[in-house]
Amino acid sequence: MSCQGIATSFAKKAPNIDHD
């Protein structure tokens, strides 16, 4: 699993810190 994949998964779990 790549770093980007982990970041994406984390972003889905913590949308509060999402930098959309």
PDB file of N, CA and C in Angstrom:
ATOM      1  N   MET A   1       0.853  -1.207   0.000  1.00  0.00           N
ATOM      2  CA  MET A   1       0.000   0.000   0.000  1.00  0.00           C
ATOM      3  C   MET A   1       0.884   1.252   0.000  1.00  0.00           C
ATOM      4  N   SER A   2       0.590   2.139  -0.917  1.00  0.00           N
ATOM      5  CA  SER A   2       1.395   3.363  -1.036  1.00  0.00           C
ATOM      6  C   SER A   2       0.960   4.425  -0.036  1.00  0.00           C
ATOM      7  N   CYS A   3       1.820   5.396   0.160  1.00  0.00           N
ATOM      8  CA  CYS A   3       1.531   6.493   1.088  1.00  0.00           C
ATOM      9  C   CYS A   3       0.259   7.220   0.673  1.00  0.00           C
ATOM     10  N   GLN A   4       0.102   7.411  -0.634  1.00  0.00           N
ATOM     11  CA  GLN A   4      -1.069   8.122  -1.144  1.00  0.00           C
ATOM     12  C   GLN A   4      -2.347   7.355  -0.800  1.00  0.00           C
ATOM     13  N   GLY A   5      -2.275   6.048  -0.908  1.00  0.00           N
ATOM     14  CA  GLY A   5      -3.429   5.216  -0.596  1.00  0.00           C
ATOM     15  C   GLY A   5      -3.841   5.360   0.862  1.00  0.00           C
ATOM     16  N   ILE A   6      -2.832   5.376   1.746  1.00  0.00           N
ATOM     17  CA  ILE A   6      -3.087   5.533   3.176  1.00  0.00           C
ATOM     18  C   ILE A   6      -3.698   6.904   3.444  1.00  0.00           C
ATOM     19  N   ALA A   7      -3.142   7.930   2.823  1.00  0.00           N
ATOM     20  CA  ALA A   7      -3.631   9.295   3.005  1.00  0.00           C
ATOM     21  C   ALA A   7      -5.087   9.409   2.563  1.00  0.00           C
ATOM     22  N   THR A   8      -5.397   8.767   1.433  1.00  0.00           N
ATOM     23  CA  THR A   8      -6.761   8.812   0.911  1.00  0.00           C
ATOM     24  C   THR A   8      -7.714   8.118   1.880  1.00  0.00           C
ATOM     25  N   SER A   9      -7.283   6.952   2.390  1.00  0.00           N
ATOM     26  CA  SER A   9      -8.109   6.207   3.321  1.00  0.00           C
ATOM     27  C   SER A   9      -8.334   7.008   4.599  1.00  0.00           C
ATOM     28  N   PHE A  10      -7.262   7.667   5.071  1.00  0.00           N
ATOM     29  CA  PHE A  10      -7.354   8.463   6.287  1.00  0.00           C
ATOM     30  C   PHE A  10      -8.286   9.654   6.069  1.00  0.00           C
ATOM     31  N   ALA A  11      -8.187  10.275   4.914  1.00  0.00           N
ATOM     32  CA  ALA A  11      -9.019  11.435   4.590  1.00  0.00           C
ATOM     33  C   ALA A  11     -10.502  11.045   4.601  1.00  0.00           C
ATOM     34  N   LYS A  12     -10.793   9.826   4.132  1.00  0.00           N
ATOM     35  CA  LYS A  12     -12.177   9.367   4.114  1.00  0.00           C
ATOM     36  C   LYS A  12     -12.701   9.168   5.543  1.00  0.00           C
ATOM     37  N   LYS A  13     -11.796   8.761   6.445  1.00  0.00           N
ATOM     38  CA  LYS A  13     -12.191   8.524   7.829  1.00  0.00           C
ATOM     39  C   LYS A  13     -12.242   9.826   8.627  1.00  0.00           C
ATOM     40  N   ALA A  14     -11.423  10.791   8.219  1.00  0.00           N
ATOM     41  CA  ALA A  14     -11.361  12.062   8.943  1.00  0.00           C
ATOM     42  C   ALA A  14     -11.564  13.237   7.989  1.00  0.00           C
ATOM     43  N   PRO A  15     -12.766  13.393   7.445  1.00  0.00           N
ATOM     44  CA  PRO A  15     -13.063  14.471   6.502  1.00  0.00           C
ATOM     45  C   PRO A  15     -12.868  15.863   7.090  1.00  0.00           C
ATOM     46  N   ASN A  16     -12.792  15.945   8.398  1.00  0.00           N
ATOM     47  CA  ASN A  16     -12.569  17.221   9.053  1.00  0.00           C
ATOM     48  C   ASN A  16     -11.241  17.849   8.709  1.00  0.00           C
ATOM     49  N   ILE A  17     -10.233  17.023   8.434  1.00  0.00           N
ATOM     50  CA  ILE A  17      -8.900  17.544   8.117  1.00  0.00           C
ATOM     51  C   ILE A  17      -8.666  17.547   6.609  1.00  0.00           C
ATOM     52  N   ASP A  18      -9.729  17.214   5.876  1.00  0.00           N
ATOM     53  CA  ASP A  18      -9.610  17.178   4.417  1.00  0.00           C
ATOM     54  C   ASP A  18      -9.338  18.576   3.878  1.00  0.00           C
ATOM     55  N   HIS A  19      -8.383  18.666   2.964  1.00  0.00           N
ATOM     56  CA  HIS A  19      -7.989  19.960   2.402  1.00  0.00           C
ATOM     57  C   HIS A  19      -8.618  20.153   1.028  1.00  0.00           C
ATOM     58  N   ASP A  20      -9.886  19.863   0.916  1.00  0.00           N
ATOM     59  CA  ASP A  20     -10.580  19.964  -0.358  1.00  0.00           C
ATOM     60  C   ASP A  20     -10.679  21.431  -0.785  1.00  0.00           C
TER      61      ASP A  20
END
